[in-house]
Amino acid sequence: MTKNRIPFGLMLHGPGGHMNAWKHPSGPADASVNFQFLLDQTKKAEAAGIAFAFVADGLYINEQSIPHFLNRFEPIALLSALAATTSTIGLVGTLSTSYSDPFTVARQFGSIDLLSNGRAGWNAVTSPLEGSAKNYGRVQHPDHALRYEIAGEHIEIVKGLWDSWDDDAFVRDRSTGRFADFEKLHRLNFNGKFHSAEGPLNIQRSPQGQTVLFQAGGSPAGIELAGRHADAVFANSTSIEENRVLTQKLKQSAVAHGRGADAIKVLPGVGIIVGSTDEEVERKYQEIAGLVNVTEALHYLGRFFDHHDFSQYDLDAPFPELGDIGRNNFQSGTDRIKARAKEKGQSLREVALEQTTQRSEFQGTPEKIADKIEEWVDTGAADGFVLGFPVSAQGWQDFDQHVLPILEKRGRHSREQIGSTLRDHLGLPFRESRHALPQEKAAG
């Protein structure tokens, strides 16, 4: 079996994935709004041959939020700045389908795609936090099922608008005075349950055909949406067995919607800690775990359960029965937390501390991490990975210096990018316009 190159993304979440990464001395305390730091991280990843940088987001904060979530760049603004200051790395950003207008989203990502010469990706999320509605003048946050129904329609419109013009529609012929060939213009005229858009979009098609569409969500509704629309899925990394099952479900969903199994690239997010020995790994883990106290850990846990107040329970009693709390937010994640706590008989204290500073199969010596990366890909649990580090500055440096060289020697990584667009980097084909395809294929 030929072993192919493994694509990686780098999570750009400021100081790191840990809630108190801002306290760690290896990076600046203001990393979430320190553009020079984020640019340096992105350029280092670009030089290392990383396929894309990934910007997460959220639309609601309160006093219990993760500290660096209180003060962070809006993704479209950050991606626009990075598009002008990088040259090869893909640029993926999160934008909500529940609290944005499809025409605006199509125009924003169409612009970033053109600014970057075909390197843009949209992580389409439904926004799990209940409080988001309060920031957008909404009476009520849509429930889980409704959010995914809205998302399906929203994405259909955006994809349709991206095909407003044929690839060669803008002739710009000065001798005849003809700027555009209007026979290659297509109005969408979409009228749906939640949104409508006439079109056309006032920007040309992307050098990669369409912006790469990412989706995050492991619930049945998320899997169905991904099967219909996603080019890539940013998945939770649980265990190799669970991720293998999720990957199979996602690819089966793509096939059920008339697409190929390889039409979706599954990229779990992984929290990596590298050490020369197991003892060094444990020392680094404990150093990071020591950045948080149990009160902060309860706040962190509460975020997944719509900021539920866990301080009302006995810390050392079994994890409380929560009923449907959390089902309308991070559904697949909260279901997994509750199931794991019940299976292992964990106390609230144990669950909170475990969730705040998670252990991972990808924490170990460089050889062990490289082995795990290959095992996940070669056994069908992943197509690639989004690299997250509990502490960004230290974690990326360790991975770049010690793990990537091993993968390079094994032929699983190269510091030379594949092609010029994000689709090239991920092994995805150019996205042909629906108007250039036979009608039965255009809806895919």
Protein backbone atom coordinates (compact mmCIF):
# COMPACT_ATOMS: atom_id res chain seq x y z
CA MET A 1 0.00 0.00 0.00
CA THR A 2 1.33 3.40 -0.97
CA LYS A 3 1.61 5.67 2.04
CA ASN A 4 0.58 9.18 1.09
CA ARG A 5 1.48 12.52 2.56
CA ILE A 6 -0.64 13.46 5.58
CA PRO A 7 -2.16 16.97 5.53
CA PHE A 8 -1.96 19.07 8.70
CA GLY A 9 -3.68 22.26 9.80
CA LEU A 10 -2.48 24.51 12.62
CA MET A 11 -5.03 25.80 15.11
CA LEU A 12 -4.55 29.53 15.63
CA HIS A 13 -6.15 30.01 19.02
CA GLY A 14 -3.79 32.57 20.51
CA PRO A 15 -1.88 31.27 23.54
CA GLY A 16 -3.07 27.68 23.15
CA GLY A 17 -5.83 25.15 23.66
CA HIS A 18 -5.62 25.15 27.44
CA MET A 19 -7.97 27.63 29.12
CA ASN A 20 -5.10 29.26 31.03
CA ALA A 21 -2.43 28.98 28.34
CA TRP A 22 -2.08 32.75 28.59
CA LYS A 23 -0.28 32.23 31.92
CA HIS A 24 2.47 30.07 30.39
CA PRO A 25 5.77 31.93 30.00
CA SER A 26 6.64 30.50 26.58
CA GLY A 27 4.41 32.96 24.71
CA PRO A 28 2.91 36.45 25.07
CA ALA A 29 0.01 36.82 27.51
CA ASP A 30 -1.96 38.78 24.87
CA ALA A 31 -1.44 36.16 22.13
CA SER A 32 -5.12 36.11 21.12
CA VAL A 33 -4.90 39.73 19.91
CA ASN A 34 -1.17 39.87 19.17
CA PHE A 35 -1.12 39.89 15.39
CA GLN A 36 2.66 39.63 15.14
CA PHE A 37 2.62 36.46 17.25
CA LEU A 38 -0.18 34.92 15.14
CA LEU A 39 1.58 35.92 11.93
CA ASP A 40 4.88 34.45 13.13
CA GLN A 41 3.12 31.16 14.03
CA THR A 42 1.42 31.08 10.62
CA LYS A 43 4.62 31.81 8.70
CA LYS A 44 6.51 29.13 10.62
CA ALA A 45 3.75 26.66 9.75
CA GLU A 46 3.86 27.81 6.14
CA ALA A 47 7.62 27.26 5.97
CA ALA A 48 7.10 23.79 7.46
CA GLY A 49 4.63 22.77 4.74
CA ILE A 50 1.50 22.83 6.92
CA ALA A 51 -1.58 22.84 4.69
CA PHE A 52 -3.64 25.48 6.47
CA ALA A 53 -4.09 27.69 9.51
CA PHE A 54 -7.44 27.38 11.29
CA VAL A 55 -9.21 30.19 13.19
CA ALA A 56 -11.98 29.17 15.61
CA ASP A 57 -14.60 31.54 16.99
CA GLY A 58 -17.57 32.01 19.31
CA LEU A 59 -20.33 34.60 19.59
CA TYR A 60 -21.02 34.78 23.31
CA ILE A 61 -18.89 35.40 26.39
CA ASN A 62 -19.46 35.97 30.07
CA GLU A 63 -17.32 36.18 33.18
CA GLN A 64 -16.79 32.39 33.19
CA SER A 65 -15.56 32.14 29.59
CA ILE A 66 -12.09 30.91 28.67
CA PRO A 67 -9.89 33.95 29.38
CA HIS A 68 -8.44 34.44 25.91
CA PHE A 69 -11.94 34.03 24.40
CA LEU A 70 -12.82 37.30 26.13
CA ASN A 71 -10.53 39.18 23.77
CA ARG A 72 -9.75 37.70 20.35
CA PHE A 73 -9.78 38.66 16.69
CA GLU A 74 -12.84 38.20 14.50
CA PRO A 75 -11.92 35.49 11.93
CA ILE A 76 -12.71 37.37 8.70
CA ALA A 77 -10.54 40.31 9.76
CA LEU A 78 -7.68 38.04 10.81
CA LEU A 79 -7.85 35.91 7.65
CA SER A 80 -7.82 39.05 5.48
CA ALA A 81 -4.65 40.26 7.19
CA LEU A 82 -3.02 36.84 6.85
CA ALA A 83 -4.02 36.60 3.18
CA ALA A 84 -1.92 39.69 2.48
CA THR A 85 1.09 38.56 4.53
CA THR A 86 1.41 34.87 3.57
CA SER A 87 1.83 33.17 0.23
CA THR A 88 1.14 29.40 0.28
CA ILE A 89 -0.62 28.28 3.47
CA GLY A 90 -4.39 27.74 3.44
CA LEU A 91 -6.53 30.06 5.57
CA VAL A 92 -9.64 28.61 7.24
CA GLY A 93 -12.02 30.58 9.44
CA THR A 94 -15.17 29.90 11.43
CA LEU A 95 -18.40 31.74 10.66
CA SER A 96 -21.87 30.95 11.96
CA THR A 97 -24.77 29.89 9.77
CA SER A 98 -27.20 30.74 12.59
CA TYR A 99 -26.15 34.38 12.94
CA SER A 100 -24.98 35.53 9.51
CA ASP A 101 -26.46 36.34 6.13
CA PRO A 102 -25.61 33.97 3.26
CA PHE A 103 -24.93 36.72 0.72
CA THR A 104 -22.48 38.42 3.10
CA VAL A 105 -20.73 35.14 3.91
CA ALA A 106 -20.40 34.26 0.22
CA ARG A 107 -18.94 37.68 -0.50
CA GLN A 108 -16.54 37.65 2.47
CA PHE A 109 -15.04 34.24 1.75
CA GLY A 110 -15.12 34.86 -1.99
CA SER A 111 -13.02 37.96 -1.35
CA ILE A 112 -10.55 36.19 0.96
CA ASP A 113 -10.23 33.41 -1.60
CA LEU A 114 -9.38 35.93 -4.31
CA LEU A 115 -7.03 37.93 -2.06
CA SER A 116 -5.13 34.73 -1.24
CA ASN A 117 -5.17 33.26 -4.75
CA GLY A 118 -7.34 30.31 -3.80
CA ARG A 119 -6.29 29.49 -0.23
CA ALA A 120 -9.52 30.12 1.71
CA GLY A 121 -11.70 27.75 3.73
CA TRP A 122 -14.97 28.34 5.58
CA ASN A 123 -15.67 26.38 8.77
CA ALA A 124 -19.47 26.52 8.78
CA VAL A 125 -20.79 26.13 12.33
CA THR A 126 -24.27 26.41 13.82
CA SER A 127 -23.13 28.20 17.02
CA PRO A 128 -23.85 26.03 20.08
CA LEU A 129 -23.88 28.65 22.85
CA GLU A 130 -27.38 29.62 23.98
CA GLY A 131 -26.34 33.16 24.85
CA SER A 132 -25.47 33.97 21.23
CA ALA A 133 -29.09 34.95 20.53
CA LYS A 134 -28.83 37.82 23.03
CA ASN A 135 -26.08 39.44 20.98
CA TYR A 136 -28.11 39.39 17.77
CA GLY A 137 -31.46 40.68 18.99
CA ARG A 138 -33.03 37.23 18.81
CA VAL A 139 -35.70 36.11 21.23
CA GLN A 140 -34.47 32.53 21.38
CA HIS A 141 -31.45 30.50 20.31
CA PRO A 142 -32.59 27.88 17.74
CA ASP A 143 -32.63 24.33 19.01
CA HIS A 144 -30.11 21.80 17.71
CA ALA A 145 -32.26 20.32 14.95
CA LEU A 146 -33.45 23.73 13.73
CA ARG A 147 -29.89 25.10 13.65
CA TYR A 148 -28.86 22.32 11.29
CA GLU A 149 -31.92 22.86 9.11
CA ILE A 150 -30.98 26.56 8.86
CA ALA A 151 -27.36 25.61 8.14
CA GLY A 152 -28.31 23.34 5.25
CA GLU A 153 -30.25 26.10 3.53
CA HIS A 154 -27.61 28.73 4.33
CA ILE A 155 -24.82 26.64 2.77
CA GLU A 156 -26.91 25.87 -0.32
CA ILE A 157 -27.28 29.60 -0.94
CA VAL A 158 -23.60 30.38 -0.37
CA LYS A 159 -22.47 27.62 -2.73
CA GLY A 160 -24.99 28.75 -5.32
CA LEU A 161 -23.78 32.35 -5.11
CA TRP A 162 -20.17 31.23 -5.54
CA ASP A 163 -21.24 29.98 -8.97
CA SER A 164 -22.78 33.31 -10.04
CA TRP A 165 -20.18 33.74 -12.77
CA ASP A 166 -18.49 31.24 -15.05
CA ASP A 167 -14.74 31.03 -14.66
CA ASP A 168 -14.09 33.03 -17.85
CA ALA A 169 -17.01 35.48 -17.53
CA PHE A 170 -14.89 38.61 -17.00
CA VAL A 171 -13.34 39.20 -20.41
CA ARG A 172 -12.20 42.81 -19.77
CA ASP A 173 -11.72 43.45 -23.50
CA ARG A 174 -10.60 47.08 -23.85
CA SER A 175 -10.74 46.98 -27.64
CA THR A 176 -14.49 46.27 -27.63
CA GLY A 177 -15.32 47.88 -24.29
CA ARG A 178 -16.83 44.63 -23.02
CA PHE A 179 -16.03 44.05 -19.33
CA ALA A 180 -18.07 40.89 -18.79
CA ASP A 181 -19.85 38.25 -20.84
CA PHE A 182 -23.36 38.37 -19.41
CA GLU A 183 -24.28 35.04 -21.00
CA LYS A 184 -21.97 33.59 -18.33
CA LEU A 185 -23.83 35.24 -15.48
CA HIS A 186 -26.23 33.19 -13.36
CA ARG A 187 -28.78 34.53 -10.90
CA LEU A 188 -29.59 32.17 -8.04
CA ASN A 189 -33.18 33.22 -7.32
CA PHE A 190 -33.29 31.14 -4.14
CA ASN A 191 -36.37 31.44 -1.93
CA GLY A 192 -36.21 29.27 1.15
CA LYS A 193 -37.77 28.82 4.54
CA PHE A 194 -35.14 30.91 6.34
CA HIS A 195 -33.28 32.91 3.69
CA SER A 196 -33.60 34.13 0.15
CA ALA A 197 -31.09 35.53 -2.31
CA GLU A 198 -31.47 36.63 -5.90
CA GLY A 199 -27.82 37.09 -6.79
CA PRO A 200 -25.54 37.37 -8.60
CA LEU A 201 -22.60 37.69 -6.25
CA ASN A 202 -20.43 40.70 -7.05
CA ILE A 203 -17.12 38.84 -7.18
CA GLN A 204 -15.68 36.29 -9.60
CA ARG A 205 -15.19 32.59 -8.91
CA SER A 206 -12.24 31.45 -6.84
CA PRO A 207 -8.99 30.15 -8.35
CA GLN A 208 -9.92 26.86 -6.63
CA GLY A 209 -13.48 26.93 -7.97
CA GLN A 210 -15.10 27.35 -4.57
CA THR A 211 -13.83 28.05 -1.08
CA VAL A 212 -13.13 24.80 0.78
CA LEU A 213 -16.12 24.07 3.03
CA PHE A 214 -15.27 22.75 6.49
CA GLN A 215 -17.89 21.55 8.94
CA ALA A 216 -17.57 20.65 12.61
CA GLY A 217 -20.04 18.41 14.38
CA GLY A 218 -20.32 14.72 15.14
CA SER A 219 -24.05 14.47 15.89
CA PRO A 220 -26.33 12.66 13.40
CA ALA A 221 -27.47 16.05 12.06
CA GLY A 222 -23.85 17.16 11.69
CA ILE A 223 -22.91 13.98 9.86
CA GLU A 224 -25.84 14.39 7.48
CA LEU A 225 -24.92 18.03 6.77
CA ALA A 226 -21.29 17.09 6.17
CA GLY A 227 -22.28 14.32 3.81
CA ARG A 228 -24.29 16.78 1.75
CA HIS A 229 -21.88 19.68 1.65
CA ALA A 230 -18.51 19.43 3.43
CA ASP A 231 -15.14 19.12 1.75
CA ALA A 232 -13.48 18.61 5.14
CA VAL A 233 -14.63 17.88 8.69
CA PHE A 234 -12.91 19.24 11.79
CA ALA A 235 -13.64 16.38 14.16
CA ASN A 236 -13.07 15.77 17.85
CA SER A 237 -10.32 13.26 18.57
CA THR A 238 -11.64 10.75 21.06
CA SER A 239 -10.09 7.34 20.49
CA ILE A 240 -8.86 5.65 17.36
CA GLU A 241 -11.84 3.28 17.43
CA GLU A 242 -14.44 6.04 17.85
CA ASN A 243 -12.81 8.18 15.18
CA ARG A 244 -12.68 5.26 12.78
CA VAL A 245 -16.43 4.79 13.21
CA LEU A 246 -17.05 8.54 12.79
CA THR A 247 -14.90 8.66 9.66
CA GLN A 248 -16.82 5.72 8.19
CA LYS A 249 -20.15 7.41 8.96
CA LEU A 250 -19.03 10.67 7.35
CA LYS A 251 -17.81 8.97 4.20
CA GLN A 252 -20.95 6.81 4.01
CA SER A 253 -22.99 10.00 4.31
CA ALA A 254 -21.10 11.51 1.38
CA VAL A 255 -21.83 8.42 -0.72
CA ALA A 256 -25.51 8.51 0.30
CA HIS A 257 -25.65 12.05 -1.08
CA GLY A 258 -24.23 11.01 -4.43
CA ARG A 259 -20.64 11.94 -3.72
CA GLY A 260 -17.49 9.85 -3.47
CA ALA A 261 -16.14 8.62 -0.13
CA ASP A 262 -12.97 10.64 -0.76
CA ALA A 263 -15.00 13.84 -1.24
CA ILE A 264 -14.68 14.49 2.52
CA LYS A 265 -11.36 14.77 4.34
CA VAL A 266 -11.72 13.99 8.04
CA LEU A 267 -9.28 16.00 10.17
CA PRO A 268 -9.52 15.46 13.94
CA GLY A 269 -8.18 18.15 16.22
CA VAL A 270 -5.40 16.77 18.41
CA GLY A 271 -3.80 18.18 21.57
CA ILE A 272 -0.09 17.41 21.33
CA ILE A 273 2.61 17.45 23.99
CA VAL A 274 6.09 16.37 22.87
CA GLY A 275 8.88 15.24 25.19
CA SER A 276 12.17 13.41 24.72
CA THR A 277 11.08 10.89 27.38
CA ASP A 278 7.79 9.87 28.99
CA GLU A 279 8.99 11.61 32.15
CA GLU A 280 9.45 14.90 30.29
CA VAL A 281 6.00 14.57 28.74
CA GLU A 282 4.45 14.06 32.18
CA ARG A 283 6.38 17.03 33.57
CA LYS A 284 5.07 19.27 30.77
CA TYR A 285 1.56 17.94 31.26
CA GLN A 286 1.60 18.63 34.99
CA GLU A 287 3.04 22.10 34.39
CA ILE A 288 0.11 22.89 32.11
CA ALA A 289 -2.43 21.26 34.46
CA GLY A 290 -1.09 23.44 37.25
CA LEU A 291 -2.19 26.58 35.40
CA VAL A 292 -5.79 25.99 36.48
CA ASN A 293 -7.60 25.56 39.81
CA VAL A 294 -10.76 23.53 40.38
CA THR A 295 -13.05 26.59 40.39
CA GLU A 296 -11.77 27.59 36.94
CA ALA A 297 -12.14 23.97 35.81
CA LEU A 298 -15.81 24.01 36.79
CA HIS A 299 -16.33 27.18 34.74
CA TYR A 300 -14.60 25.54 31.77
CA LEU A 301 -16.80 22.45 32.06
CA GLY A 302 -19.90 24.61 32.38
CA ARG A 303 -19.25 26.20 28.98
CA PHE A 304 -20.08 22.92 27.25
CA PHE A 305 -23.34 22.71 29.21
CA ASP A 306 -24.62 26.21 28.39
CA HIS A 307 -22.57 27.70 31.25
CA HIS A 308 -24.30 25.48 33.79
CA ASP A 309 -23.34 26.30 37.39
CA PHE A 310 -21.44 23.22 38.59
CA SER A 311 -20.41 24.92 41.85
CA GLN A 312 -23.75 23.88 43.37
CA TYR A 313 -22.70 20.21 43.51
CA ASP A 314 -20.41 18.23 45.82
CA LEU A 315 -17.04 18.11 44.06
CA ASP A 316 -16.27 14.58 45.21
CA ALA A 317 -19.71 13.07 44.65
CA PRO A 318 -20.43 11.19 41.41
CA PHE A 319 -20.85 13.39 38.34
CA PRO A 320 -24.39 14.82 38.61
CA GLU A 321 -27.35 13.69 36.56
CA LEU A 322 -27.99 16.58 34.16
CA GLY A 323 -30.87 15.31 32.08
CA ASP A 324 -30.96 17.20 28.77
CA ILE A 325 -28.69 20.05 29.89
CA GLY A 326 -26.10 20.47 27.12
CA ARG A 327 -28.11 18.63 24.46
CA ASN A 328 -28.85 21.87 22.61
CA ASN A 329 -25.24 23.03 22.65
CA PHE A 330 -22.17 20.85 22.08
CA GLN A 331 -24.40 17.78 21.71
CA SER A 332 -21.94 15.08 20.70
CA GLY A 333 -19.34 16.42 23.15
CA THR A 334 -21.64 16.65 26.17
CA ASP A 335 -23.09 13.21 25.47
CA ARG A 336 -19.55 11.83 25.46
CA ILE A 337 -18.60 13.59 28.73
CA LYS A 338 -21.67 12.21 30.52
CA ALA A 339 -21.20 8.70 29.15
CA ARG A 340 -17.52 8.60 30.10
CA ALA A 341 -18.20 9.87 33.63
CA LYS A 342 -20.84 7.19 34.16
CA GLU A 343 -18.69 4.42 32.69
CA LYS A 344 -15.65 5.28 34.84
CA GLY A 345 -17.57 6.29 37.95
CA GLN A 346 -15.92 9.72 37.98
CA SER A 347 -16.57 12.48 40.47
CA LEU A 348 -17.37 16.02 39.38
CA ARG A 349 -13.84 17.10 40.38
CA GLU A 350 -12.30 14.38 38.22
CA VAL A 351 -14.44 15.23 35.19
CA ALA A 352 -13.77 18.98 35.45
CA LEU A 353 -10.00 18.62 35.79
CA GLU A 354 -9.84 15.97 33.08
CA GLN A 355 -11.79 18.11 30.61
CA THR A 356 -9.70 21.19 31.37
CA THR A 357 -6.34 19.48 30.82
CA GLN A 358 -7.06 16.48 28.65
CA ARG A 359 -4.71 13.60 28.12
CA SER A 360 -4.31 12.40 24.59
CA GLU A 361 -2.89 9.54 22.57
CA PHE A 362 -0.79 12.22 20.90
CA GLN A 363 1.21 13.12 24.00
CA GLY A 364 4.56 11.35 24.10
CA THR A 365 7.97 11.05 22.52
CA PRO A 366 8.40 12.20 18.91
CA GLU A 367 8.50 8.61 17.68
CA LYS A 368 5.34 7.67 19.58
CA ILE A 369 3.45 10.69 18.21
CA ALA A 370 4.61 10.01 14.64
CA ASP A 371 3.56 6.36 15.02
CA LYS A 372 0.11 7.39 16.28
CA ILE A 373 -0.38 9.85 13.44
CA GLU A 374 0.41 7.16 10.89
CA GLU A 375 -1.71 4.55 12.67
CA TRP A 376 -4.80 6.78 12.68
CA VAL A 377 -4.45 7.56 8.99
CA ASP A 378 -3.49 4.08 7.83
CA THR A 379 -6.36 2.39 9.72
CA GLY A 380 -9.07 4.79 8.53
CA ALA A 381 -9.54 6.92 11.66
CA ALA A 382 -8.43 10.16 9.95
CA ASP A 383 -7.26 11.66 6.67
CA GLY A 384 -5.14 14.30 8.40
CA PHE A 385 -5.10 16.40 11.56
CA VAL A 386 -5.66 19.90 12.92
CA LEU A 387 -2.74 20.44 15.28
CA GLY A 388 -3.68 21.99 18.57
CA PHE A 389 -1.26 22.50 21.42
CA PRO A 390 -2.21 23.16 25.03
CA VAL A 391 0.43 25.90 24.86
CA SER A 392 0.92 27.20 21.31
CA ALA A 393 4.46 28.59 21.28
CA GLN A 394 6.14 25.69 23.06
CA GLY A 395 3.96 23.01 21.46
CA TRP A 396 4.43 24.09 17.84
CA GLN A 397 8.20 24.47 18.25
CA ASP A 398 8.51 20.96 19.71
CA PHE A 399 6.36 19.42 16.96
CA ASP A 400 8.17 21.26 14.17
CA GLN A 401 11.64 20.36 15.44
CA HIS A 402 11.09 16.80 16.60
CA VAL A 403 8.00 15.17 15.04
CA LEU A 404 7.86 16.57 11.50
CA PRO A 405 11.42 15.42 10.67
CA ILE A 406 10.43 11.83 11.51
CA LEU A 407 7.36 12.06 9.28
CA GLU A 408 9.50 13.56 6.52
CA LYS A 409 11.92 10.62 6.68
CA ARG A 410 8.97 8.24 6.46
CA GLY A 411 7.59 10.02 3.39
CA ARG A 412 4.45 11.24 5.19
CA HIS A 413 5.29 14.94 5.14
CA SER A 414 7.16 17.47 3.03
CA ARG A 415 8.03 21.10 3.60
CA GLU A 416 7.10 21.78 -0.02
CA GLN A 417 3.41 22.49 -0.51
CA ILE A 418 1.31 20.43 -2.91
CA GLY A 419 0.00 22.83 -5.54
CA SER A 420 -1.02 26.41 -4.90
CA THR A 421 -4.60 26.29 -3.58
CA LEU A 422 -6.05 24.87 -0.38
CA ARG A 423 -7.86 22.24 -2.43
CA ASP A 424 -4.48 21.20 -3.84
CA HIS A 425 -2.98 21.00 -0.34
CA LEU A 426 -5.81 18.71 0.84
CA GLY A 427 -5.93 16.53 -2.26
CA LEU A 428 -9.33 17.87 -3.30
CA PRO A 429 -10.16 18.58 -6.96
CA PHE A 430 -10.98 21.98 -8.40
CA ARG A 431 -14.65 22.67 -7.70
CA GLU A 432 -16.40 22.97 -11.05
CA SER A 433 -19.33 25.34 -11.34
CA ARG A 434 -22.75 23.71 -11.27
CA HIS A 435 -23.44 25.51 -14.54
CA ALA A 436 -20.51 23.72 -16.19
CA LEU A 437 -21.68 20.29 -15.01
CA PRO A 438 -24.45 17.95 -16.15
CA GLN A 439 -27.59 18.81 -14.19
CA GLU A 440 -27.65 15.56 -12.21
CA LYS A 441 -24.16 16.27 -10.80
CA ALA A 442 -24.63 19.97 -10.14
CA ALA A 443 -26.38 19.55 -6.79
CA GLY A 444 -23.46 17.70 -5.17
